[in-house]
Amino acid sequence: MSNEMIVEVCYALPNAQTMIPVTLPIGATMRDAIERSGVLQRFPELDIARMKAGVFGKVRALDAAVDAGDRIEIYRALKADPKLARQRRVEKVRNEGSREGQKWLGSSRRAT
C-alpha cells in the first residue's frame, strides 16, 4: 500500500480554469495541497489566510484532511450579492413590461 495519494487543486477565473494534480502524503490537509500545488505563486491575488476552499462543492476548513482523488476547489469572492442580483433582474423584466415580469407583481397591481 502506498503512503501517497493524488488530489487535484482547481482555481477558476471567468475566462480560464486551472487544474493542478498534486501528490501528497496520506493525512495531508487542504492547506498542504494548496501550498504544494503552486497555485499561490501562480495567482498572487490569492491569500490563503482569507480564502474559502472546498471539496466537490462543499466548503471545508483548510486544516481538514483530504482523500485520494479529491478535487480541492478554491472559491473566488462573489462580485454581487445573489439576492440583490436576482432583484435587479426581476426589476429589469418588470420595467420592460413583459408578461413574464408582470406575474411577479401580484394580482392587485397587474395591468388589465
Protein backbone atom coordinates (compact mmCIF):
# COMPACT_ATOMS: atom_id res chain seq x y z
CA MET A 1 0.00 0.00 0.00
CA SER A 2 1.34 3.42 -0.98
CA ASN A 3 1.92 6.21 1.50
CA GLU A 4 0.96 8.81 -1.11
CA MET A 5 -2.21 9.97 -2.80
CA ILE A 6 -3.08 12.23 -5.72
CA VAL A 7 -5.55 15.11 -5.43
CA GLU A 8 -6.40 17.93 -7.82
CA VAL A 9 -6.30 21.63 -6.91
CA CYS A 10 -8.63 23.78 -9.03
CA TYR A 11 -8.98 27.53 -9.40
CA ALA A 12 -11.33 29.09 -11.93
CA LEU A 13 -11.35 32.60 -13.34
CA PRO A 14 -14.16 33.89 -15.56
CA ASN A 15 -12.18 33.11 -18.71
CA ALA A 16 -9.98 30.17 -17.71
CA GLN A 17 -9.63 27.38 -15.20
CA THR A 18 -6.55 25.79 -13.70
CA MET A 19 -6.42 22.19 -12.53
CA ILE A 20 -3.20 21.01 -10.93
CA PRO A 21 -2.63 17.38 -9.89
CA VAL A 22 -0.69 17.14 -6.62
CA THR A 23 0.92 14.12 -4.96
CA LEU A 24 0.64 14.28 -1.17
CA PRO A 25 1.37 12.00 1.78
CA ILE A 26 -1.62 10.25 3.34
CA GLY A 27 -3.12 12.51 6.03
CA ALA A 28 -2.28 15.78 4.24
CA THR A 29 -4.62 18.75 4.62
CA MET A 30 -6.31 21.10 2.20
CA ARG A 31 -3.69 23.73 3.11
CA ASP A 32 -0.88 21.29 2.26
CA ALA A 33 -2.41 20.58 -1.15
CA ILE A 34 -2.95 24.26 -1.98
CA GLU A 35 0.57 25.24 -0.91
CA ARG A 36 2.24 22.34 -2.72
CA SER A 37 0.26 22.95 -5.94
CA GLY A 38 2.00 26.27 -6.63
CA VAL A 39 -1.34 27.99 -7.25
CA LEU A 40 -0.50 30.71 -4.70
CA GLN A 41 2.60 31.71 -6.67
CA ARG A 42 0.77 31.50 -9.98
CA PHE A 43 -2.09 33.70 -8.75
CA PRO A 44 -0.62 36.22 -6.28
CA GLU A 45 -4.05 37.74 -5.62
CA LEU A 46 -4.95 34.61 -3.63
CA ASP A 47 -4.50 34.95 0.13
CA ILE A 48 -4.53 31.61 1.90
CA ALA A 49 -5.41 33.33 5.19
CA ARG A 50 -8.69 34.68 3.73
CA MET A 51 -9.62 32.17 1.02
CA LYS A 52 -12.54 29.79 1.00
CA ALA A 53 -11.95 26.33 -0.38
CA GLY A 54 -13.81 23.07 -0.54
CA VAL A 55 -14.00 19.58 -1.98
CA PHE A 56 -16.51 18.82 -4.73
CA GLY A 57 -18.57 21.95 -3.99
CA LYS A 58 -18.64 21.61 -0.19
CA VAL A 59 -16.74 24.25 1.80
CA ARG A 60 -14.18 22.77 4.18
CA ALA A 61 -11.65 24.16 6.62
CA LEU A 62 -8.09 24.42 5.35
CA ASP A 63 -6.92 22.10 8.12
CA ALA A 64 -9.33 19.33 7.00
CA ALA A 65 -7.69 16.15 5.76
CA VAL A 66 -8.05 15.28 2.08
CA ASP A 67 -8.60 11.88 0.49
CA ALA A 68 -7.15 10.39 -2.67
CA GLY A 69 -8.99 11.66 -5.74
CA ASP A 70 -10.42 14.78 -4.04
CA ARG A 71 -10.91 17.88 -6.19
CA ILE A 72 -9.90 20.81 -4.00
CA GLU A 73 -11.63 23.94 -5.26
CA ILE A 74 -10.52 27.46 -4.40
CA TYR A 75 -13.53 29.78 -4.39
CA ARG A 76 -13.45 33.39 -5.53
CA ALA A 77 -15.49 36.04 -3.73
CA LEU A 78 -18.86 36.83 -5.30
CA LYS A 79 -18.95 40.04 -7.31
CA ALA A 80 -22.60 40.68 -6.42
CA ASP A 81 -24.95 39.57 -3.68
CA PRO A 82 -27.09 36.79 -5.28
CA LYS A 83 -30.32 38.10 -3.71
CA LEU A 84 -29.67 41.65 -4.91
CA ALA A 85 -28.72 40.44 -8.40
CA ARG A 86 -31.99 38.49 -8.66
CA GLN A 87 -33.99 41.53 -7.52
CA ARG A 88 -32.31 43.64 -10.20
CA ARG A 89 -33.12 41.08 -12.90
CA VAL A 90 -36.78 40.97 -11.83
CA GLU A 91 -37.00 44.79 -11.82
CA LYS A 92 -35.48 44.92 -15.30
CA VAL A 93 -38.05 42.46 -16.65
CA ARG A 94 -40.87 44.35 -14.93
CA ASN A 95 -39.71 47.67 -16.35
CA GLU A 96 -39.63 46.23 -19.85
CA GLY A 97 -43.34 45.46 -19.45
CA SER A 98 -43.14 41.83 -20.43
CA ARG A 99 -45.80 39.35 -19.41
CA GLU A 100 -43.16 37.35 -17.56
CA GLY A 101 -42.32 40.37 -15.38
CA GLN A 102 -45.98 41.06 -14.63
CA LYS A 103 -46.53 37.69 -12.93
CA TRP A 104 -44.34 38.80 -10.01
CA LEU A 105 -46.39 41.93 -9.30
CA GLY A 106 -49.34 40.19 -7.64
CA SER A 107 -52.99 40.32 -8.68
CA SER A 108 -53.72 43.74 -7.14
CA ARG A 109 -51.01 45.52 -9.16
CA ARG A 110 -51.38 43.79 -12.53
CA ALA A 111 -52.42 45.82 -15.52
CA THR A 112 -55.58 44.55 -17.19
